[in-house]
Amino acid sequence: MNLYLLRHTRTVIEASICHGQTDIGLPPDFAHDLATIRAKLPDLSGMTIYASPLQRCRLLAEALAPGRVHCDARLMELNFGEWEGQPWDAIDRVALDHWAADFVHRAPPGGESFAQLQARCLDFLVALPEDQDVLLVTHAGVIRAVLAHARSLPLDRAFEIPVGHGEISSICWSYQHSNQNSTEKDQ
């Protein structure tokens, strides 16, 4: 199947705030971004559309395909637990450095590790029917986790993959007998 991964557009929160699963909205002027995204996407009429239930993804997906969006919590961004909604510079530096030294396997207090995020994303993907194209409207962490898997890239290198707001990545995804095979496509 052709799998399209769309990151939500800019949000109404400052980048200096930790906001993985914090439910924040889109700016009132996101219609301009919407037009740009529509022009880059293939025809959505025969596609199945899934989105993170967080409004920054759900609202974008609904604007692209009204009444056709299926939300799934496995497509949510990394859960930063107790750090959600806090300014990054207000988080205890020792705790932040400890987590950052092995974010793949360590979770923020009450949150999840990047490996846990990837596991739930892959759990979602293996359940998809392979006979139809799919658009996922989701977050940078989810997209990086999926693309790292597709590229056989270690998770600690996933942040080498650039994923901008409103950007679309696509891969050919196939899953059979617990062996995943995927190849990236040029946009």
N, C-alpha and C. Protein backbone atom coordinates (compact mmCIF):
# COMPACT_ATOMS: atom_id res chain seq x y z
N MET A 1 0.84 -1.18 0.00
CA MET A 1 0.00 0.00 0.00
C MET A 1 0.88 1.23 0.00
N ASN A 2 0.35 2.31 -0.54
CA ASN A 2 1.02 3.59 -0.43
C ASN A 2 0.56 4.23 0.87
N LEU A 3 1.52 4.57 1.69
CA LEU A 3 1.24 5.17 2.99
C LEU A 3 1.77 6.59 2.99
N TYR A 4 0.87 7.55 3.19
CA TYR A 4 1.22 8.97 3.22
C TYR A 4 1.19 9.43 4.68
N LEU A 5 2.26 10.08 5.09
CA LEU A 5 2.42 10.54 6.47
C LEU A 5 2.46 12.07 6.45
N LEU A 6 1.44 12.69 7.00
CA LEU A 6 1.32 14.15 7.01
C LEU A 6 1.44 14.66 8.43
N ARG A 7 2.41 15.54 8.64
CA ARG A 7 2.53 16.19 9.95
C ARG A 7 1.56 17.37 10.00
N HIS A 8 0.93 17.55 11.15
CA HIS A 8 0.03 18.68 11.34
C HIS A 8 0.75 20.00 11.05
N THR A 9 -0.01 21.04 10.84
CA THR A 9 0.55 22.36 10.57
C THR A 9 0.97 23.02 11.89
N ARG A 10 1.45 24.24 11.80
CA ARG A 10 1.82 24.99 13.00
C ARG A 10 0.66 24.97 14.00
N THR A 11 0.99 25.15 15.27
CA THR A 11 -0.04 25.15 16.32
C THR A 11 -0.07 26.50 17.01
N VAL A 12 -0.95 26.61 18.03
CA VAL A 12 -1.09 27.87 18.76
C VAL A 12 -0.26 27.90 20.03
N ILE A 13 0.69 26.97 20.17
CA ILE A 13 1.54 26.94 21.36
C ILE A 13 2.99 27.24 20.93
N GLU A 14 3.72 27.86 21.83
CA GLU A 14 5.11 28.18 21.54
C GLU A 14 5.97 26.91 21.60
N ALA A 15 7.00 26.87 20.77
CA ALA A 15 7.91 25.73 20.73
C ALA A 15 8.66 25.55 22.05
N SER A 16 8.71 26.57 22.87
CA SER A 16 9.43 26.48 24.14
C SER A 16 8.65 25.70 25.20
N ILE A 17 7.43 25.27 24.87
CA ILE A 17 6.58 24.52 25.79
C ILE A 17 6.58 23.04 25.39
N CYS A 18 6.80 22.16 26.34
CA CYS A 18 6.74 20.72 26.09
C CYS A 18 5.28 20.34 25.84
N HIS A 19 4.99 19.80 24.68
CA HIS A 19 3.58 19.56 24.33
C HIS A 19 3.37 18.31 23.48
N GLY A 20 3.90 17.19 23.88
CA GLY A 20 3.68 15.95 23.14
C GLY A 20 2.21 15.61 22.98
N GLN A 21 1.55 15.22 24.07
CA GLN A 21 0.14 14.84 24.01
C GLN A 21 -0.78 15.93 24.56
N THR A 22 -0.24 17.11 24.81
CA THR A 22 -1.09 18.23 25.20
C THR A 22 -1.98 18.54 23.99
N ASP A 23 -3.27 18.66 24.22
CA ASP A 23 -4.22 18.85 23.11
C ASP A 23 -4.34 20.33 22.77
N ILE A 24 -3.59 20.76 21.80
CA ILE A 24 -3.60 22.16 21.38
C ILE A 24 -4.14 22.28 19.97
N GLY A 25 -4.67 23.44 19.68
CA GLY A 25 -5.32 23.64 18.39
C GLY A 25 -4.42 24.24 17.33
N LEU A 26 -5.05 24.53 16.21
CA LEU A 26 -4.39 25.14 15.06
C LEU A 26 -4.67 26.64 15.06
N PRO A 27 -3.79 27.44 14.47
CA PRO A 27 -4.04 28.87 14.41
C PRO A 27 -5.23 29.17 13.49
N PRO A 28 -5.90 30.29 13.71
CA PRO A 28 -7.06 30.63 12.88
C PRO A 28 -6.74 30.74 11.39
N ASP A 29 -5.50 31.06 11.05
CA ASP A 29 -5.12 31.22 9.65
C ASP A 29 -4.57 29.95 9.01
N PHE A 30 -4.87 28.78 9.57
CA PHE A 30 -4.31 27.54 9.04
C PHE A 30 -4.89 27.19 7.67
N ALA A 31 -5.90 27.89 7.19
CA ALA A 31 -6.48 27.63 5.87
C ALA A 31 -5.45 27.81 4.76
N HIS A 32 -4.52 28.75 4.95
CA HIS A 32 -3.46 28.94 3.96
C HIS A 32 -2.60 27.68 3.87
N ASP A 33 -2.23 27.13 5.03
CA ASP A 33 -1.45 25.89 5.05
C ASP A 33 -2.24 24.75 4.42
N LEU A 34 -3.53 24.72 4.66
CA LEU A 34 -4.40 23.67 4.14
C LEU A 34 -4.36 23.65 2.61
N ALA A 35 -4.43 24.82 1.99
CA ALA A 35 -4.39 24.89 0.53
C ALA A 35 -3.07 24.35 -0.01
N THR A 36 -1.98 24.67 0.65
CA THR A 36 -0.66 24.19 0.23
C THR A 36 -0.58 22.67 0.36
N ILE A 37 -1.09 22.14 1.45
CA ILE A 37 -1.07 20.69 1.68
C ILE A 37 -1.92 19.97 0.64
N ARG A 38 -3.13 20.48 0.39
CA ARG A 38 -4.02 19.86 -0.61
C ARG A 38 -3.33 19.75 -1.96
N ALA A 39 -2.59 20.78 -2.33
CA ALA A 39 -1.92 20.79 -3.64
C ALA A 39 -0.83 19.72 -3.73
N LYS A 40 -0.26 19.31 -2.59
CA LYS A 40 0.82 18.31 -2.58
C LYS A 40 0.31 16.87 -2.45
N LEU A 41 -0.90 16.71 -1.94
CA LEU A 41 -1.43 15.36 -1.72
C LEU A 41 -2.02 14.77 -3.00
N PRO A 42 -1.97 13.45 -3.14
CA PRO A 42 -2.69 12.82 -4.25
C PRO A 42 -4.19 12.88 -3.98
N ASP A 43 -4.97 12.43 -4.93
CA ASP A 43 -6.42 12.38 -4.77
C ASP A 43 -6.78 11.53 -3.56
N LEU A 44 -7.55 12.09 -2.64
CA LEU A 44 -7.91 11.38 -1.40
C LEU A 44 -9.19 10.56 -1.52
N SER A 45 -9.87 10.63 -2.64
CA SER A 45 -11.19 10.01 -2.74
C SER A 45 -11.19 8.51 -2.48
N GLY A 46 -10.15 7.80 -2.88
CA GLY A 46 -10.12 6.35 -2.64
C GLY A 46 -9.26 5.95 -1.47
N MET A 47 -8.82 6.93 -0.71
CA MET A 47 -7.88 6.68 0.39
C MET A 47 -8.63 6.56 1.72
N THR A 48 -8.06 5.77 2.62
CA THR A 48 -8.56 5.72 3.99
C THR A 48 -7.72 6.72 4.79
N ILE A 49 -8.40 7.53 5.60
CA ILE A 49 -7.70 8.59 6.35
C ILE A 49 -7.81 8.31 7.83
N TYR A 50 -6.64 8.29 8.49
CA TYR A 50 -6.55 8.12 9.93
C TYR A 50 -5.85 9.35 10.49
N ALA A 51 -6.19 9.68 11.74
CA ALA A 51 -5.55 10.82 12.40
C ALA A 51 -5.37 10.55 13.87
N SER A 52 -4.39 11.21 14.42
CA SER A 52 -4.27 11.29 15.87
C SER A 52 -5.53 12.00 16.36
N PRO A 53 -6.07 11.60 17.51
CA PRO A 53 -7.26 12.28 18.04
C PRO A 53 -6.97 13.69 18.57
N LEU A 54 -5.70 14.05 18.71
CA LEU A 54 -5.38 15.40 19.18
C LEU A 54 -5.83 16.40 18.13
N GLN A 55 -6.45 17.48 18.58
CA GLN A 55 -7.13 18.38 17.64
C GLN A 55 -6.23 18.97 16.56
N ARG A 56 -4.94 19.14 16.80
CA ARG A 56 -4.08 19.69 15.76
C ARG A 56 -3.98 18.77 14.55
N CYS A 57 -4.22 17.47 14.74
CA CYS A 57 -4.25 16.51 13.64
C CYS A 57 -5.67 16.25 13.17
N ARG A 58 -6.56 16.03 14.12
CA ARG A 58 -7.95 15.72 13.79
C ARG A 58 -8.60 16.83 12.97
N LEU A 59 -8.39 18.09 13.38
CA LEU A 59 -9.00 19.21 12.66
C LEU A 59 -8.44 19.34 11.24
N LEU A 60 -7.15 19.12 11.09
CA LEU A 60 -6.54 19.16 9.76
C LEU A 60 -7.10 18.04 8.89
N ALA A 61 -7.17 16.84 9.43
CA ALA A 61 -7.69 15.70 8.68
C ALA A 61 -9.14 15.93 8.27
N GLU A 62 -9.95 16.43 9.18
CA GLU A 62 -11.37 16.70 8.87
C GLU A 62 -11.51 17.78 7.80
N ALA A 63 -10.60 18.75 7.80
CA ALA A 63 -10.64 19.79 6.77
C ALA A 63 -10.28 19.20 5.41
N LEU A 64 -9.42 18.20 5.38
CA LEU A 64 -9.01 17.56 4.13
C LEU A 64 -10.05 16.57 3.62
N ALA A 65 -10.70 15.86 4.53
CA ALA A 65 -11.65 14.81 4.14
C ALA A 65 -12.81 14.77 5.13
N PRO A 66 -13.71 15.74 5.07
CA PRO A 66 -14.81 15.81 6.03
C PRO A 66 -15.62 14.51 6.13
N GLY A 67 -15.84 14.07 7.36
CA GLY A 67 -16.66 12.89 7.61
C GLY A 67 -16.00 11.56 7.30
N ARG A 68 -14.73 11.56 6.91
CA ARG A 68 -14.07 10.31 6.51
C ARG A 68 -12.88 9.95 7.38
N VAL A 69 -12.70 10.65 8.49
CA VAL A 69 -11.51 10.47 9.31
C VAL A 69 -11.75 9.48 10.44
N HIS A 70 -10.82 8.55 10.58
CA HIS A 70 -10.83 7.59 11.68
C HIS A 70 -9.71 8.00 12.63
N CYS A 71 -10.04 8.24 13.89
CA CYS A 71 -9.02 8.63 14.87
C CYS A 71 -8.53 7.40 15.62
N ASP A 72 -7.24 7.40 15.92
CA ASP A 72 -6.64 6.29 16.65
C ASP A 72 -5.56 6.85 17.58
N ALA A 73 -5.68 6.54 18.86
CA ALA A 73 -4.75 7.06 19.87
C ALA A 73 -3.32 6.59 19.65
N ARG A 74 -3.12 5.50 18.91
CA ARG A 74 -1.76 5.02 18.65
C ARG A 74 -0.99 5.98 17.75
N LEU A 75 -1.68 6.95 17.15
CA LEU A 75 -1.03 7.93 16.28
C LEU A 75 -0.71 9.23 17.01
N MET A 76 -0.89 9.24 18.34
CA MET A 76 -0.59 10.43 19.13
C MET A 76 0.92 10.60 19.28
N GLU A 77 1.32 11.83 19.56
CA GLU A 77 2.72 12.17 19.78
C GLU A 77 3.23 11.52 21.07
N LEU A 78 4.52 11.60 21.29
CA LEU A 78 5.14 11.05 22.49
C LEU A 78 4.47 11.63 23.74
N ASN A 79 4.25 10.78 24.72
CA ASN A 79 3.68 11.21 25.99
C ASN A 79 4.83 11.64 26.90
N PHE A 80 4.88 12.94 27.19
CA PHE A 80 5.93 13.48 28.05
C PHE A 80 5.53 13.47 29.53
N GLY A 81 4.40 12.85 29.86
CA GLY A 81 4.00 12.68 31.25
C GLY A 81 3.94 13.97 32.02
N GLU A 82 4.66 14.02 33.15
CA GLU A 82 4.63 15.18 34.05
C GLU A 82 5.21 16.44 33.42
N TRP A 83 5.92 16.31 32.32
CA TRP A 83 6.52 17.47 31.67
C TRP A 83 5.56 18.19 30.72
N GLU A 84 4.46 17.54 30.38
CA GLU A 84 3.49 18.12 29.44
C GLU A 84 3.06 19.52 29.91
N GLY A 85 3.09 20.47 28.99
CA GLY A 85 2.62 21.82 29.26
C GLY A 85 3.60 22.72 29.99
N GLN A 86 4.75 22.18 30.36
CA GLN A 86 5.76 22.98 31.07
C GLN A 86 6.74 23.59 30.08
N PRO A 87 7.26 24.77 30.37
CA PRO A 87 8.35 25.29 29.55
C PRO A 87 9.56 24.35 29.68
N TRP A 88 10.23 24.09 28.55
CA TRP A 88 11.38 23.20 28.59
C TRP A 88 12.41 23.67 29.59
N ASP A 89 12.61 24.99 29.69
CA ASP A 89 13.65 25.49 30.60
C ASP A 89 13.22 25.45 32.06
N ALA A 90 11.97 25.06 32.34
CA ALA A 90 11.52 24.92 33.73
C ALA A 90 11.63 23.46 34.22
N ILE A 91 11.90 22.55 33.31
CA ILE A 91 12.04 21.14 33.67
C ILE A 91 13.41 20.93 34.30
N ASP A 92 13.44 20.15 35.38
CA ASP A 92 14.69 19.88 36.08
C ASP A 92 15.77 19.44 35.09
N ARG A 93 16.87 20.17 35.05
CA ARG A 93 17.93 19.95 34.07
C ARG A 93 18.55 18.57 34.19
N VAL A 94 18.76 18.10 35.42
CA VAL A 94 19.35 16.77 35.62
C VAL A 94 18.41 15.69 35.06
N ALA A 95 17.12 15.81 35.37
CA ALA A 95 16.14 14.84 34.87
C ALA A 95 16.05 14.88 33.34
N LEU A 96 16.04 16.08 32.79
CA LEU A 96 15.97 16.24 31.33
C LEU A 96 17.20 15.64 30.65
N ASP A 97 18.38 15.91 31.20
CA ASP A 97 19.61 15.36 30.63
C ASP A 97 19.65 13.84 30.74
N HIS A 98 19.17 13.31 31.87
CA HIS A 98 19.12 11.85 32.05
C HIS A 98 18.23 11.22 30.97
N TRP A 99 17.06 11.79 30.74
CA TRP A 99 16.15 11.28 29.71
C TRP A 99 16.79 11.43 28.32
N ALA A 100 17.34 12.60 28.02
CA ALA A 100 17.90 12.87 26.70
C ALA A 100 19.08 11.96 26.37
N ALA A 101 19.80 11.50 27.38
CA ALA A 101 20.94 10.62 27.15
C ALA A 101 20.52 9.27 26.58
N ASP A 102 19.26 8.87 26.78
CA ASP A 102 18.75 7.61 26.23
C ASP A 102 17.23 7.71 26.06
N PHE A 103 16.78 8.71 25.27
CA PHE A 103 15.34 8.91 25.05
C PHE A 103 14.68 7.73 24.37
N VAL A 104 15.47 6.89 23.71
CA VAL A 104 14.90 5.71 23.06
C VAL A 104 14.32 4.76 24.09
N HIS A 105 15.03 4.57 25.22
CA HIS A 105 14.60 3.59 26.21
C HIS A 105 14.09 4.20 27.51
N ARG A 106 14.38 5.46 27.76
CA ARG A 106 13.93 6.12 28.99
C ARG A 106 12.71 6.97 28.71
N ALA A 107 11.82 7.01 29.68
CA ALA A 107 10.60 7.81 29.57
C ALA A 107 10.66 8.97 30.55
N PRO A 108 10.10 10.11 30.18
CA PRO A 108 9.94 11.17 31.17
C PRO A 108 9.02 10.65 32.29
N PRO A 109 9.07 11.23 33.47
CA PRO A 109 8.22 10.76 34.57
C PRO A 109 6.74 10.71 34.16
N GLY A 110 6.15 9.52 34.24
CA GLY A 110 4.75 9.34 33.87
C GLY A 110 4.49 9.32 32.38
N GLY A 111 5.55 9.30 31.57
CA GLY A 111 5.40 9.33 30.12
C GLY A 111 5.83 8.02 29.48
N GLU A 112 6.31 8.11 28.25
CA GLU A 112 6.73 6.92 27.51
C GLU A 112 8.05 7.18 26.80
N SER A 113 8.75 6.10 26.49
CA SER A 113 10.00 6.20 25.75
C SER A 113 9.70 6.26 24.25
N PHE A 114 10.70 6.62 23.47
CA PHE A 114 10.53 6.66 22.03
C PHE A 114 10.33 5.26 21.46
N ALA A 115 10.95 4.26 22.07
CA ALA A 115 10.74 2.86 21.65
C ALA A 115 9.28 2.45 21.88
N GLN A 116 8.68 2.91 22.97
CA GLN A 116 7.27 2.60 23.23
C GLN A 116 6.38 3.29 22.20
N LEU A 117 6.71 4.53 21.84
CA LEU A 117 5.96 5.22 20.80
C LEU A 117 6.05 4.43 19.50
N GLN A 118 7.25 4.02 19.11
CA GLN A 118 7.40 3.27 17.86
C GLN A 118 6.60 1.96 17.91
N ALA A 119 6.63 1.27 19.03
CA ALA A 119 5.91 0.00 19.15
C ALA A 119 4.41 0.20 18.93
N ARG A 120 3.83 1.25 19.51
CA ARG A 120 2.38 1.46 19.30
C ARG A 120 2.06 1.87 17.88
N CYS A 121 2.98 2.63 17.24
CA CYS A 121 2.78 3.02 15.84
C CYS A 121 2.82 1.79 14.93
N LEU A 122 3.79 0.93 15.14
CA LEU A 122 3.90 -0.27 14.32
C LEU A 122 2.73 -1.22 14.57
N ASP A 123 2.25 -1.27 15.80
CA ASP A 123 1.06 -2.06 16.12
C ASP A 123 -0.14 -1.57 15.30
N PHE A 124 -0.25 -0.27 15.14
CA PHE A 124 -1.31 0.31 14.32
C PHE A 124 -1.12 -0.08 12.85
N LEU A 125 0.10 0.08 12.34
CA LEU A 125 0.35 -0.15 10.92
C LEU A 125 0.13 -1.60 10.49
N VAL A 126 0.50 -2.55 11.33
CA VAL A 126 0.35 -3.95 10.93
C VAL A 126 -1.11 -4.36 10.82
N ALA A 127 -2.01 -3.60 11.40
CA ALA A 127 -3.44 -3.92 11.33
C ALA A 127 -4.12 -3.31 10.10
N LEU A 128 -3.41 -2.48 9.35
CA LEU A 128 -4.01 -1.84 8.19
C LEU A 128 -4.18 -2.84 7.04
N PRO A 129 -5.29 -2.73 6.32
CA PRO A 129 -5.44 -3.56 5.12
C PRO A 129 -4.44 -3.09 4.05
N GLU A 130 -3.83 -4.02 3.36
CA GLU A 130 -2.81 -3.66 2.39
C GLU A 130 -3.36 -3.36 1.01
N ASP A 131 -4.67 -3.46 0.83
CA ASP A 131 -5.24 -3.28 -0.50
C ASP A 131 -5.74 -1.86 -0.78
N GLN A 132 -5.40 -0.92 0.09
CA GLN A 132 -5.82 0.46 -0.15
C GLN A 132 -4.76 1.43 0.34
N ASP A 133 -4.72 2.60 -0.28
CA ASP A 133 -3.78 3.62 0.14
C ASP A 133 -4.31 4.30 1.40
N VAL A 134 -3.38 4.78 2.22
CA VAL A 134 -3.74 5.34 3.52
C VAL A 134 -3.01 6.67 3.74
N LEU A 135 -3.73 7.62 4.31
CA LEU A 135 -3.15 8.88 4.76
C LEU A 135 -3.22 8.90 6.28
N LEU A 136 -2.07 9.15 6.92
CA LEU A 136 -2.03 9.34 8.35
C LEU A 136 -1.74 10.81 8.62
N VAL A 137 -2.60 11.48 9.37
CA VAL A 137 -2.36 12.85 9.79
C VAL A 137 -1.93 12.75 11.24
N THR A 138 -0.65 13.07 11.48
CA THR A 138 -0.08 12.74 12.78
C THR A 138 1.03 13.72 13.15
N HIS A 139 1.96 13.28 13.95
CA HIS A 139 2.96 14.14 14.58
C HIS A 139 4.37 13.77 14.13
N ALA A 140 5.31 14.66 14.36
CA ALA A 140 6.70 14.45 13.94
C ALA A 140 7.30 13.18 14.56
N GLY A 141 7.04 12.95 15.85
CA GLY A 141 7.60 11.76 16.51
C GLY A 141 7.11 10.47 15.88
N VAL A 142 5.83 10.41 15.58
CA VAL A 142 5.24 9.23 14.94
C VAL A 142 5.85 9.03 13.56
N ILE A 143 5.93 10.10 12.78
CA ILE A 143 6.47 10.00 11.43
C ILE A 143 7.93 9.55 11.47
N ARG A 144 8.71 10.13 12.36
CA ARG A 144 10.11 9.73 12.47
C ARG A 144 10.24 8.27 12.88
N ALA A 145 9.40 7.82 13.80
CA ALA A 145 9.45 6.42 14.23
C ALA A 145 9.12 5.47 13.08
N VAL A 146 8.13 5.80 12.29
CA VAL A 146 7.74 4.97 11.14
C VAL A 146 8.84 4.99 10.08
N LEU A 147 9.34 6.19 9.75
CA LEU A 147 10.37 6.28 8.72
C LEU A 147 11.68 5.63 9.17
N ALA A 148 12.02 5.75 10.44
CA ALA A 148 13.22 5.08 10.95
C ALA A 148 13.08 3.57 10.77
N HIS A 149 11.91 3.04 11.06
CA HIS A 149 11.67 1.61 10.87
C HIS A 149 11.78 1.24 9.39
N ALA A 150 11.17 2.05 8.53
CA ALA A 150 11.19 1.78 7.09
C ALA A 150 12.60 1.82 6.53
N ARG A 151 13.44 2.68 7.10
CA ARG A 151 14.82 2.83 6.63
C ARG A 151 15.81 1.93 7.38
N SER A 152 15.30 1.13 8.31
CA SER A 152 16.17 0.32 9.19
C SER A 152 17.19 1.21 9.90
N LEU A 153 16.74 2.37 10.31
CA LEU A 153 17.58 3.34 10.99
C LEU A 153 17.40 3.17 12.50
N PRO A 154 18.46 3.08 13.27
CA PRO A 154 18.31 2.97 14.72
C PRO A 154 17.51 4.17 15.26
N LEU A 155 16.68 3.93 16.25
CA LEU A 155 15.83 4.99 16.78
C LEU A 155 16.61 6.18 17.32
N ASP A 156 17.81 5.95 17.81
CA ASP A 156 18.57 7.08 18.32
C ASP A 156 19.03 8.02 17.21
N ARG A 157 18.82 7.63 15.96
CA ARG A 157 19.14 8.49 14.82
C ARG A 157 17.89 9.01 14.11
N ALA A 158 16.72 8.74 14.65
CA ALA A 158 15.46 9.14 14.01
C ALA A 158 15.34 10.65 13.85
N PHE A 159 15.97 11.41 14.73
CA PHE A 159 15.85 12.86 14.64
C PHE A 159 16.73 13.45 13.53
N GLU A 160 17.45 12.60 12.83
CA GLU A 160 18.16 13.03 11.63
C GLU A 160 17.17 13.21 10.47
N ILE A 161 15.97 12.66 10.62
CA ILE A 161 14.95 12.74 9.58
C ILE A 161 14.18 14.06 9.76
N PRO A 162 14.30 14.97 8.80
CA PRO A 162 13.57 16.24 8.93
C PRO A 162 12.08 16.04 8.66
N VAL A 163 11.25 16.58 9.55
CA VAL A 163 9.79 16.48 9.40
C VAL A 163 9.20 17.84 9.78
N GLY A 164 8.97 18.67 8.80
CA GLY A 164 8.43 20.00 9.06
C GLY A 164 6.91 20.02 9.18
N HIS A 165 6.40 21.10 9.74
CA HIS A 165 4.95 21.26 9.83
C HIS A 165 4.33 21.24 8.43
N GLY A 166 3.27 20.47 8.28
CA GLY A 166 2.57 20.38 7.00
C GLY A 166 3.29 19.59 5.93
N GLU A 167 4.39 18.93 6.27
CA GLU A 167 5.13 18.15 5.28
C GLU A 167 4.55 16.75 5.14
N ILE A 168 4.70 16.21 3.94
CA ILE A 168 4.17 14.89 3.61
C ILE A 168 5.33 13.97 3.22
N SER A 169 5.35 12.79 3.81
CA SER A 169 6.29 11.74 3.43
C SER A 169 5.46 10.59 2.91
N SER A 170 6.02 9.79 2.02
CA SER A 170 5.27 8.62 1.55
C SER A 170 6.20 7.43 1.46
N ILE A 171 5.65 6.27 1.75
CA ILE A 171 6.38 5.00 1.65
C ILE A 171 5.44 3.95 1.10
N CYS A 172 6.02 2.92 0.50
CA CYS A 172 5.26 1.72 0.16
C CYS A 172 5.38 0.81 1.37
N TRP A 173 4.27 0.43 1.94
CA TRP A 173 4.27 -0.36 3.16
C TRP A 173 3.65 -1.73 2.89
N SER A 174 4.33 -2.77 3.35
CA SER A 174 3.81 -4.12 3.23
C SER A 174 4.15 -4.85 4.51
N TYR A 175 3.20 -5.62 5.01
CA TYR A 175 3.44 -6.39 6.23
C TYR A 175 2.92 -7.80 6.03
N GLN A 176 3.81 -8.78 6.13
CA GLN A 176 3.40 -10.18 5.98
C GLN A 176 4.20 -11.05 6.94
N HIS A 177 3.52 -11.95 7.58
CA HIS A 177 4.17 -12.96 8.42
C HIS A 177 5.22 -12.38 9.37
N SER A 178 4.87 -11.28 10.01
CA SER A 178 5.73 -10.60 10.98
C SER A 178 7.01 -10.04 10.39
N ASN A 179 7.12 -9.96 9.10
CA ASN A 179 8.28 -9.33 8.45
C ASN A 179 7.80 -8.11 7.70
N GLN A 180 8.27 -6.95 8.10
CA GLN A 180 7.87 -5.70 7.46
C GLN A 180 8.83 -5.38 6.33
N ASN A 181 8.27 -5.00 5.21
CA ASN A 181 9.06 -4.53 4.08
C ASN A 181 8.48 -3.21 3.63
N SER A 182 9.30 -2.21 3.53
CA SER A 182 8.80 -0.94 3.02
C SER A 182 9.91 -0.23 2.28
N THR A 183 9.51 0.55 1.34
CA THR A 183 10.47 1.39 0.62
C THR A 183 9.90 2.78 0.52
N GLU A 184 10.77 3.76 0.62
CA GLU A 184 10.32 5.14 0.53
C GLU A 184 10.16 5.52 -0.93
N LYS A 185 9.23 6.44 -1.15
CA LYS A 185 9.01 6.97 -2.48
C LYS A 185 9.39 8.45 -2.49
N ASP A 186 9.85 8.90 -3.61
CA ASP A 186 10.13 10.32 -3.76
C ASP A 186 8.82 11.08 -3.89
N GLN A 187 8.79 12.26 -3.31
CA GLN A 187 7.59 13.11 -3.43
C GLN A 187 7.72 14.00 -4.62
